[in-house]
N, C-alpha and C. Protein backbone atom coordinates (compact mmCIF):
# COMPACT_ATOMS: atom_id res chain seq x y z
N MET A 1 -5.81 7.57 30.77
CA MET A 1 -5.88 6.17 31.17
C MET A 1 -7.04 5.87 31.97
N PRO A 2 -7.80 4.84 31.71
CA PRO A 2 -8.96 4.48 32.52
C PRO A 2 -8.49 4.17 33.94
N HIS A 3 -9.39 4.46 34.95
CA HIS A 3 -9.00 4.33 36.35
C HIS A 3 -8.77 2.76 36.64
N GLU A 4 -9.48 1.96 36.00
CA GLU A 4 -9.24 0.50 36.23
C GLU A 4 -7.81 0.12 35.80
N ALA A 5 -7.40 0.54 34.66
CA ALA A 5 -6.15 0.22 34.11
C ALA A 5 -5.04 0.88 35.00
N ALA A 6 -5.29 2.05 35.44
CA ALA A 6 -4.34 2.81 36.28
C ALA A 6 -4.18 2.07 37.60
N SER A 7 -5.19 1.52 38.14
CA SER A 7 -5.10 0.78 39.37
C SER A 7 -4.29 -0.49 39.13
N GLN A 8 -4.53 -1.14 38.04
CA GLN A 8 -3.82 -2.41 37.71
C GLN A 8 -2.32 -1.99 37.50
N PHE A 9 -1.97 -1.01 36.79
CA PHE A 9 -0.60 -0.57 36.63
C PHE A 9 0.02 -0.24 37.99
N GLU A 10 -0.65 0.42 38.80
CA GLU A 10 -0.16 0.86 40.13
C GLU A 10 0.15 -0.44 40.98
N ASP A 11 -0.78 -1.41 40.87
CA ASP A 11 -0.59 -2.66 41.68
C ASP A 11 0.64 -3.38 41.09
N PHE A 12 0.79 -3.43 39.80
CA PHE A 12 1.97 -4.03 39.23
C PHE A 12 3.32 -3.42 39.69
N ILE A 13 3.31 -2.02 39.65
CA ILE A 13 4.56 -1.36 40.03
C ILE A 13 4.83 -1.52 41.49
N GLU A 14 3.83 -1.56 42.36
CA GLU A 14 4.00 -1.85 43.81
C GLU A 14 4.50 -3.20 44.06
N SER A 15 4.27 -4.17 43.08
CA SER A 15 4.62 -5.60 43.42
C SER A 15 6.07 -5.88 42.94
N ILE A 16 6.70 -4.98 42.26
CA ILE A 16 8.12 -5.18 41.83
C ILE A 16 9.03 -4.88 43.06
N GLU A 17 9.96 -5.82 43.24
CA GLU A 17 10.98 -5.62 44.27
C GLU A 17 12.37 -5.63 43.63
N THR A 18 13.10 -4.59 43.82
CA THR A 18 14.42 -4.50 43.13
C THR A 18 15.18 -3.46 43.92
N ASP A 19 16.54 -3.58 43.83
CA ASP A 19 17.41 -2.69 44.48
C ASP A 19 17.90 -1.52 43.36
N LEU A 20 17.52 -1.78 42.15
CA LEU A 20 17.85 -0.96 41.04
C LEU A 20 16.72 0.04 40.82
N PRO A 21 17.12 1.14 40.26
CA PRO A 21 16.09 2.16 39.86
C PRO A 21 15.21 1.67 38.74
N ILE A 22 14.01 2.05 38.72
CA ILE A 22 13.10 1.72 37.61
C ILE A 22 12.82 2.78 36.64
N GLU A 23 13.03 2.51 35.37
CA GLU A 23 12.81 3.57 34.46
C GLU A 23 11.69 3.14 33.54
N ILE A 24 10.71 4.02 33.40
CA ILE A 24 9.53 3.64 32.49
C ILE A 24 9.41 4.79 31.49
N ASN A 25 9.46 4.40 30.20
CA ASN A 25 9.24 5.33 29.11
C ASN A 25 8.02 5.10 28.54
N ILE A 26 7.12 6.03 28.64
CA ILE A 26 5.73 6.04 28.10
C ILE A 26 5.65 6.41 26.70
N GLY A 27 6.52 7.17 26.22
CA GLY A 27 6.58 7.62 24.80
C GLY A 27 7.13 9.10 24.74
N SER A 28 7.23 9.45 23.52
CA SER A 28 7.71 10.83 23.18
C SER A 28 6.98 11.21 21.84
N HIS A 29 7.16 12.45 21.65
CA HIS A 29 6.59 13.01 20.33
C HIS A 29 7.27 12.37 19.15
N LYS A 30 8.57 12.13 19.25
CA LYS A 30 9.33 11.54 18.20
C LYS A 30 8.87 10.08 17.93
N TRP A 31 8.65 9.26 18.94
CA TRP A 31 8.11 8.00 18.82
C TRP A 31 6.76 8.02 18.13
N CYS A 32 5.93 8.97 18.54
CA CYS A 32 4.63 8.97 17.94
C CYS A 32 4.70 9.43 16.49
N ALA A 33 5.58 10.43 16.18
CA ALA A 33 5.71 10.94 14.79
C ALA A 33 6.32 9.65 13.95
N ASP A 34 7.26 8.97 14.47
CA ASP A 34 7.81 7.87 13.69
C ASP A 34 6.72 6.71 13.40
N GLU A 35 5.92 6.46 14.39
CA GLU A 35 4.91 5.42 14.22
C GLU A 35 3.82 5.87 13.19
N CYS A 36 3.52 7.20 13.28
CA CYS A 36 2.51 7.78 12.42
C CYS A 36 3.05 7.75 10.92
N ALA A 37 4.39 7.98 10.81
CA ALA A 37 4.94 7.91 9.44
C ALA A 37 4.95 6.58 8.87
N LYS A 38 5.29 5.57 9.67
CA LYS A 38 5.32 4.16 9.31
C LYS A 38 3.94 3.75 8.88
N SER A 39 2.95 4.09 9.73
CA SER A 39 1.53 3.69 9.39
C SER A 39 0.96 4.31 8.13
N LEU A 40 1.53 5.42 7.72
CA LEU A 40 1.11 6.08 6.42
C LEU A 40 2.01 5.67 5.33
N GLY A 41 3.01 4.87 5.59
CA GLY A 41 3.88 4.41 4.45
C GLY A 41 5.11 5.26 4.23
N PHE A 42 5.31 6.18 5.04
CA PHE A 42 6.63 6.95 4.94
C PHE A 42 7.77 6.27 5.61
N GLU A 43 8.92 6.52 5.19
CA GLU A 43 10.15 5.84 5.85
C GLU A 43 10.44 6.43 7.16
N ASN A 44 10.24 7.78 7.32
CA ASN A 44 10.49 8.45 8.62
C ASN A 44 9.65 9.68 8.80
N ASP A 45 9.59 10.21 9.99
CA ASP A 45 8.79 11.37 10.13
C ASP A 45 9.13 12.67 9.47
N GLU A 46 10.48 12.69 8.94
CA GLU A 46 10.95 13.84 8.13
C GLU A 46 10.22 13.86 6.84
N ASP A 47 9.97 12.77 6.29
CA ASP A 47 9.34 12.56 4.98
C ASP A 47 7.90 13.21 4.99
N MET A 48 7.23 13.15 6.15
CA MET A 48 5.90 13.59 6.27
C MET A 48 5.88 15.15 6.15
N ARG A 49 7.08 15.79 6.27
CA ARG A 49 7.16 17.24 6.13
C ARG A 49 7.94 17.65 4.87
N ASN A 50 8.19 16.68 4.01
CA ASN A 50 8.84 17.01 2.72
C ASN A 50 7.81 17.11 1.69
N PRO A 51 7.70 18.38 1.07
CA PRO A 51 6.56 18.57 0.12
C PRO A 51 6.59 17.68 -1.02
N GLU A 52 7.75 17.23 -1.51
CA GLU A 52 7.73 16.21 -2.64
C GLU A 52 7.16 14.86 -2.25
N LYS A 53 7.62 14.42 -1.04
CA LYS A 53 7.14 13.11 -0.52
C LYS A 53 5.58 13.20 -0.23
N VAL A 54 5.12 14.30 0.25
CA VAL A 54 3.73 14.50 0.64
C VAL A 54 2.91 14.47 -0.71
N LYS A 55 3.45 15.11 -1.70
CA LYS A 55 2.83 15.18 -3.07
C LYS A 55 2.67 13.79 -3.63
N GLU A 56 3.70 12.97 -3.58
CA GLU A 56 3.64 11.55 -3.92
C GLU A 56 2.73 10.79 -3.26
N TYR A 57 2.63 10.94 -1.90
CA TYR A 57 1.72 10.22 -1.05
C TYR A 57 0.24 10.60 -1.38
N ARG A 58 -0.03 11.90 -1.54
CA ARG A 58 -1.39 12.30 -1.93
C ARG A 58 -1.81 11.82 -3.32
N ARG A 59 -0.85 11.86 -4.26
CA ARG A 59 -1.16 11.29 -5.59
C ARG A 59 -1.48 9.81 -5.51
N LYS A 60 -0.69 9.04 -4.77
CA LYS A 60 -0.95 7.63 -4.58
C LYS A 60 -2.32 7.37 -4.03
N LYS A 61 -2.72 8.18 -2.87
CA LYS A 61 -3.95 7.89 -2.23
C LYS A 61 -5.11 8.35 -3.19
N ASN A 62 -4.99 9.42 -4.01
CA ASN A 62 -5.97 9.85 -4.85
C ASN A 62 -6.19 8.81 -6.04
N ASP A 63 -5.13 8.23 -6.48
CA ASP A 63 -5.22 7.15 -7.50
C ASP A 63 -5.95 6.04 -6.92
N GLU A 64 -5.57 5.57 -5.76
CA GLU A 64 -6.39 4.43 -5.07
C GLU A 64 -7.87 4.74 -4.86
N PHE A 65 -8.11 5.96 -4.54
CA PHE A 65 -9.53 6.35 -4.42
C PHE A 65 -10.27 6.26 -5.70
N ALA A 66 -9.59 6.86 -6.75
CA ALA A 66 -10.24 6.83 -8.14
C ALA A 66 -10.45 5.43 -8.62
N ARG A 67 -9.47 4.53 -8.48
CA ARG A 67 -9.65 3.11 -8.89
C ARG A 67 -10.76 2.50 -8.18
N GLY A 68 -10.99 2.80 -6.83
CA GLY A 68 -12.20 2.30 -6.15
C GLY A 68 -13.46 2.74 -6.68
N GLN A 69 -13.39 3.86 -7.33
CA GLN A 69 -14.67 4.48 -7.91
C GLN A 69 -14.85 4.01 -9.25
N GLY A 70 -14.03 3.18 -9.81
CA GLY A 70 -14.14 2.74 -11.21
C GLY A 70 -13.37 3.47 -12.29
N TYR A 71 -12.53 4.41 -11.89
CA TYR A 71 -11.76 5.09 -12.86
C TYR A 71 -10.31 4.54 -13.02
N LYS A 72 -9.66 4.94 -14.06
CA LYS A 72 -8.34 4.39 -14.26
C LYS A 72 -7.34 4.96 -13.17
N ASP A 73 -7.40 6.33 -12.99
CA ASP A 73 -6.61 6.93 -12.01
C ASP A 73 -7.20 8.24 -11.67
N TRP A 74 -6.50 9.05 -10.90
CA TRP A 74 -7.12 10.37 -10.39
C TRP A 74 -7.34 11.26 -11.59
N ASP A 75 -6.47 11.31 -12.64
CA ASP A 75 -6.68 12.19 -13.75
C ASP A 75 -7.98 11.81 -14.54
N ASP A 76 -8.13 10.48 -14.64
CA ASP A 76 -9.30 9.91 -15.30
C ASP A 76 -10.52 10.36 -14.55
N LEU A 77 -10.49 10.26 -13.22
CA LEU A 77 -11.62 10.67 -12.44
C LEU A 77 -12.04 12.12 -12.67
N LEU A 78 -10.86 12.99 -12.63
CA LEU A 78 -11.11 14.44 -12.81
C LEU A 78 -11.69 14.66 -14.25
N ALA A 79 -11.22 13.98 -15.24
CA ALA A 79 -11.69 14.30 -16.57
C ALA A 79 -12.96 13.79 -16.84
N ASN A 80 -13.48 12.61 -16.09
CA ASN A 80 -14.79 12.09 -16.43
C ASN A 80 -15.86 12.15 -15.34
N SER A 81 -15.62 12.70 -14.31
CA SER A 81 -16.52 12.72 -13.23
C SER A 81 -17.71 13.67 -13.57
N LYS A 82 -18.82 13.27 -13.14
CA LYS A 82 -20.09 14.17 -13.47
C LYS A 82 -19.97 15.47 -12.66
N TRP A 83 -19.12 15.48 -11.69
CA TRP A 83 -19.01 16.65 -10.71
C TRP A 83 -17.98 17.56 -11.28
N THR A 84 -17.17 17.26 -12.29
CA THR A 84 -16.11 18.07 -12.87
C THR A 84 -16.74 19.15 -13.70
N LYS A 85 -16.43 20.45 -13.54
CA LYS A 85 -16.96 21.49 -14.33
C LYS A 85 -16.53 21.38 -15.70
N LYS A 86 -17.46 21.32 -16.65
CA LYS A 86 -17.17 21.18 -18.07
C LYS A 86 -16.84 22.55 -18.73
N THR A 87 -16.01 22.45 -19.75
CA THR A 87 -15.64 23.60 -20.47
C THR A 87 -16.75 24.09 -21.39
N ASP A 88 -16.69 25.32 -21.84
CA ASP A 88 -17.76 25.83 -22.74
C ASP A 88 -17.90 24.92 -23.93
N GLN A 89 -16.85 24.52 -24.52
CA GLN A 89 -16.72 23.69 -25.70
C GLN A 89 -17.50 22.35 -25.34
N GLU A 90 -17.17 21.73 -24.21
CA GLU A 90 -17.91 20.41 -23.90
C GLU A 90 -19.33 20.63 -23.67
N ASN A 91 -19.79 21.83 -23.18
CA ASN A 91 -21.25 22.04 -23.00
C ASN A 91 -21.89 22.47 -24.27
N GLY A 92 -21.17 22.55 -25.45
CA GLY A 92 -21.80 22.81 -26.60
C GLY A 92 -21.76 24.24 -27.09
N TYR A 93 -21.03 25.11 -26.39
CA TYR A 93 -20.87 26.50 -26.65
C TYR A 93 -19.57 26.78 -27.53
N ASN A 94 -19.65 27.61 -28.50
CA ASN A 94 -18.51 27.93 -29.28
C ASN A 94 -17.76 29.08 -28.74
């Protein structure tokens, strides 16, 4: 936390007057993982560790990338990209 923000936070805390205890939750690993999952489009953080869900996610992102490059989908990019290794038959060898 920047010193300026820390000083402002400290001033805010010092200005509070209450007879009740103050509880401040800054976060947890679970909160972070849940927010990360949401931002990536998963329903929860367990889905980020599910191999099938991760496979679906990667396929979706690869398809989006391929469409952005002018291909129909990821398979089309792999089949038609100039960077894809051609088979001997495609290179004119028998």
